[in-house]
Amino acid sequence: MDVTVRPALQEDIPALAEVLGLAFTDDPLIAWLIPETATRTKRAAIMFDSLVRHQYLADGAVEVALDDTGAIVGAAVWSPPGKWHASESDLLRQFPSLLRVFRHRLIKAGRMSDRMAAAHPREPHWYLAIIGTLPSARGRGYGQALLNSRLERCDAEGSPAYLESSKPENVPYYERFGFDKTGELDATKGGPLLWPMWRASRTE
């Protein structure tokens, strides 16, 4: 099956955020931050909308996968080399939405983000911040198409790539694309672990 992958547009944000909210409903990290199951999907979608709208879209590295009807069924959110860290203005724009999402856990979420940033590689690289597909669309090649779209550019530029997997069962999947696990990251201090993964440049 041929999969269409294209750059995300401003008008795509609500749909891609909804897709990511559904994709991450059972994610251990999201469940730790938003334990209320009844509102988790909606609140996760609000978070993804804010992150893409106020931080990632402007860098031109957000892509969506479309099904044969043209509907968005997956999205990948990347940061170009040197741009993975949110600026103060990004954070200020995100704050109202993130407060709605995390409520009294906002400080906990911020501390987790700080620990992830402290462990983040300093070598220039492409950063895969978020990737997800609709649960009903999994296993149809959408995630693979999204990954390959940006990794082909990484290879053309001779650039490494980095991600953190929040599910241990996804580690072998990313290994198929050349990522290697570099250890474990306890960014939550007692909650779910993360598995940082590095993909060396093809020139290394």
Protein backbone atom coordinates (compact mmCIF):
# COMPACT_ATOMS: atom_id res chain seq x y z
CA MET A 1 0.00 0.00 0.00
CA ASP A 2 1.31 3.41 -0.96
CA VAL A 3 1.23 5.88 1.92
CA THR A 4 1.08 9.63 1.42
CA VAL A 5 3.28 11.63 3.77
CA ARG A 6 3.34 15.41 3.55
CA PRO A 7 4.31 18.41 5.68
CA ALA A 8 1.68 19.42 8.20
CA LEU A 9 -0.18 22.68 7.69
CA GLN A 10 -1.63 25.05 10.27
CA GLU A 11 -5.12 23.81 9.48
CA ASP A 12 -4.03 20.21 10.13
CA ILE A 13 -3.24 20.83 13.78
CA PRO A 14 -6.64 19.94 15.31
CA ALA A 15 -6.86 16.68 13.36
CA LEU A 16 -3.27 15.60 13.97
CA ALA A 17 -3.58 16.48 17.66
CA GLU A 18 -6.70 14.32 17.91
CA VAL A 19 -4.87 11.45 16.20
CA LEU A 20 -1.94 11.76 18.61
CA GLY A 21 -4.27 11.96 21.59
CA LEU A 22 -5.82 8.65 20.59
CA ALA A 23 -2.42 7.15 19.79
CA PHE A 24 -1.06 7.99 23.24
CA THR A 25 -4.08 7.11 25.37
CA ASP A 26 -2.38 3.92 26.57
CA ASP A 27 1.12 5.39 26.72
CA PRO A 28 2.71 4.79 30.16
CA LEU A 29 4.14 8.29 30.41
CA ILE A 30 0.89 10.00 29.42
CA ALA A 31 -1.02 7.75 31.83
CA TRP A 32 1.37 8.76 34.62
CA LEU A 33 0.89 12.45 33.87
CA ILE A 34 -2.86 12.18 33.22
CA PRO A 35 -4.15 9.26 35.30
CA GLU A 36 -7.80 10.18 34.78
CA THR A 37 -8.83 7.72 32.07
CA ALA A 38 -12.11 9.46 31.23
CA THR A 39 -10.40 12.68 30.13
CA ARG A 40 -6.93 11.46 29.16
CA THR A 41 -7.41 11.29 25.39
CA LYS A 42 -8.96 14.75 25.15
CA ARG A 43 -6.37 16.35 27.43
CA ALA A 44 -3.49 14.66 25.60
CA ALA A 45 -4.87 16.06 22.34
CA ILE A 46 -4.91 19.56 23.85
CA MET A 47 -1.27 19.10 24.86
CA PHE A 48 -0.22 17.94 21.40
CA ASP A 49 -2.14 20.80 19.77
CA SER A 50 -0.28 23.31 21.93
CA LEU A 51 3.15 21.75 21.38
CA VAL A 52 2.76 21.62 17.61
CA ARG A 53 1.07 25.01 17.31
CA HIS A 54 3.42 26.97 19.57
CA GLN A 55 6.74 25.17 19.14
CA TYR A 56 7.21 22.61 16.40
CA LEU A 57 5.21 23.64 13.33
CA ALA A 58 7.26 26.75 12.64
CA ASP A 59 10.37 24.63 12.07
CA GLY A 60 8.72 22.84 9.15
CA ALA A 61 9.47 19.36 10.49
CA VAL A 62 6.00 18.09 11.36
CA GLU A 63 4.64 15.54 8.90
CA VAL A 64 1.32 13.73 8.58
CA ALA A 65 0.40 10.40 7.01
CA LEU A 66 -2.86 10.19 5.06
CA ASP A 67 -5.11 7.24 4.31
CA ASP A 68 -6.65 6.67 0.89
CA THR A 69 -9.48 9.10 1.72
CA GLY A 70 -7.04 11.88 2.54
CA ALA A 71 -7.72 11.72 6.28
CA ILE A 72 -4.84 12.15 8.72
CA VAL A 73 -4.10 8.83 10.42
CA GLY A 74 -0.60 9.49 11.76
CA ALA A 75 1.87 12.23 12.55
CA ALA A 76 5.56 12.65 13.29
CA VAL A 77 6.87 15.71 15.11
CA TRP A 78 10.57 16.41 14.61
CA SER A 79 12.96 19.18 15.60
CA PRO A 80 15.82 20.12 13.28
CA PRO A 81 19.40 20.08 14.57
CA GLY A 82 19.93 22.66 17.30
CA LYS A 83 16.22 23.43 17.80
CA TRP A 84 14.97 20.68 20.09
CA HIS A 85 14.73 22.82 23.22
CA ALA A 86 11.64 24.99 23.71
CA SER A 87 12.36 28.71 24.00
CA GLU A 88 10.96 30.84 26.80
CA SER A 89 8.45 32.36 24.40
CA ASP A 90 7.39 28.87 23.28
CA LEU A 91 6.79 27.89 26.89
CA LEU A 92 4.82 31.05 27.64
CA ARG A 93 2.51 30.41 24.69
CA GLN A 94 2.05 26.79 25.76
CA PHE A 95 1.46 27.54 29.44
CA PRO A 96 -2.34 28.10 29.46
CA SER A 97 -3.01 24.88 27.56
CA LEU A 98 -0.54 22.84 29.59
CA LEU A 99 -2.09 24.11 32.82
CA ARG A 100 -5.49 22.87 31.56
CA VAL A 101 -3.97 19.51 30.70
CA PHE A 102 -1.81 18.77 33.74
CA ARG A 103 -3.54 20.90 36.39
CA HIS A 104 -1.84 20.34 39.76
CA ARG A 105 0.65 18.00 38.08
CA LEU A 106 2.14 20.75 35.93
CA ILE A 107 5.18 21.14 38.20
CA LYS A 108 5.74 17.38 38.08
CA ALA A 109 5.52 17.47 34.28
CA GLY A 110 7.98 20.36 34.17
CA ARG A 111 10.50 18.53 36.33
CA MET A 112 10.22 15.48 34.11
CA SER A 113 10.84 17.65 31.06
CA ASP A 114 13.89 19.19 32.74
CA ARG A 115 15.37 15.74 33.42
CA MET A 116 14.78 14.73 29.81
CA ALA A 117 16.50 17.91 28.65
CA ALA A 118 19.48 17.29 30.94
CA ALA A 119 19.97 13.85 29.37
CA HIS A 120 19.45 15.07 25.81
CA PRO A 121 22.49 14.69 23.50
CA ARG A 122 24.30 17.93 22.74
CA GLU A 123 25.66 16.81 19.37
CA PRO A 124 23.56 18.33 16.53
CA HIS A 125 20.86 15.88 15.44
CA TRP A 126 17.28 15.52 14.29
CA TYR A 127 15.00 14.87 17.28
CA LEU A 128 11.87 12.76 16.95
CA ALA A 129 9.78 14.29 19.71
CA ILE A 130 6.47 12.57 18.93
CA ILE A 131 5.21 9.92 16.54
CA GLY A 132 1.89 8.13 16.56
CA THR A 133 -0.86 6.64 14.43
CA LEU A 134 -4.51 5.92 15.05
CA PRO A 135 -4.88 2.62 16.90
CA SER A 136 -7.20 1.44 14.12
CA ALA A 137 -4.54 2.19 11.50
CA ARG A 138 -1.59 0.43 13.12
CA GLY A 139 0.23 -2.26 11.19
CA ARG A 140 -0.50 -0.68 7.82
CA GLY A 141 2.83 1.04 7.24
CA TYR A 142 1.94 4.59 8.26
CA GLY A 143 4.51 4.78 11.05
CA GLN A 144 7.16 3.29 8.80
CA ALA A 145 6.40 5.83 6.08
CA LEU A 146 6.59 8.70 8.55
CA LEU A 147 9.93 7.52 9.92
CA ASN A 148 11.46 6.87 6.53
CA SER A 149 10.41 10.27 5.23
CA ARG A 150 12.59 12.13 7.74
CA LEU A 151 15.34 9.52 8.09
CA GLU A 152 16.00 9.75 4.36
CA ARG A 153 16.70 13.44 4.91
CA CYS A 154 18.92 12.63 7.88
CA ASP A 155 20.93 10.30 5.68
CA ALA A 156 21.17 12.85 2.88
CA GLU A 157 22.48 15.43 5.36
CA GLY A 158 24.72 12.99 7.23
CA SER A 159 22.86 13.85 10.42
CA PRO A 160 22.21 11.56 13.42
CA ALA A 161 18.78 11.25 15.00
CA TYR A 162 17.49 10.82 18.55
CA LEU A 163 14.28 9.76 20.28
CA GLU A 164 13.01 8.54 23.64
CA SER A 165 10.78 5.47 23.57
CA SER A 166 8.16 5.38 26.31
CA LYS A 167 7.31 1.71 25.68
CA PRO A 168 9.92 -1.07 25.92
CA GLU A 169 8.07 -3.05 23.25
CA ASN A 170 8.69 -0.24 20.75
CA VAL A 171 12.48 -0.43 21.16
CA PRO A 172 12.89 -3.33 18.67
CA TYR A 173 10.68 -1.46 16.21
CA TYR A 174 12.96 1.57 16.24
CA GLU A 175 16.00 -0.67 16.04
CA ARG A 176 14.75 -1.78 12.63
CA PHE A 177 15.30 1.80 11.47
CA GLY A 178 18.86 1.97 12.76
CA PHE A 179 18.29 3.37 16.25
CA ASP A 180 20.31 1.91 19.12
CA LYS A 181 19.21 2.00 22.75
CA THR A 182 21.65 4.02 24.83
CA GLY A 183 20.31 3.15 28.29
CA GLU A 184 17.35 3.89 30.53
CA LEU A 185 16.15 7.28 31.70
CA ASP A 186 14.22 7.69 34.94
CA ALA A 187 12.86 11.13 34.10
CA THR A 188 9.83 10.61 36.33
CA LYS A 189 11.75 9.59 39.46
CA GLY A 190 9.77 6.48 40.26
CA GLY A 191 7.26 6.48 37.42
CA PRO A 192 7.59 4.97 33.94
CA LEU A 193 11.04 4.72 32.41
CA LEU A 194 12.13 6.08 29.05
CA TRP A 195 14.55 4.41 26.65
CA PRO A 196 16.75 6.94 24.83
CA MET A 197 17.75 5.81 21.34
CA TRP A 198 20.40 7.20 19.00
CA ARG A 199 20.73 6.69 15.28
CA ALA A 200 24.25 7.45 14.10
CA SER A 201 24.71 9.38 10.90
CA ARG A 202 25.22 7.20 7.87
CA THR A 203 28.71 8.67 7.46
CA GLU A 204 29.82 7.41 10.91
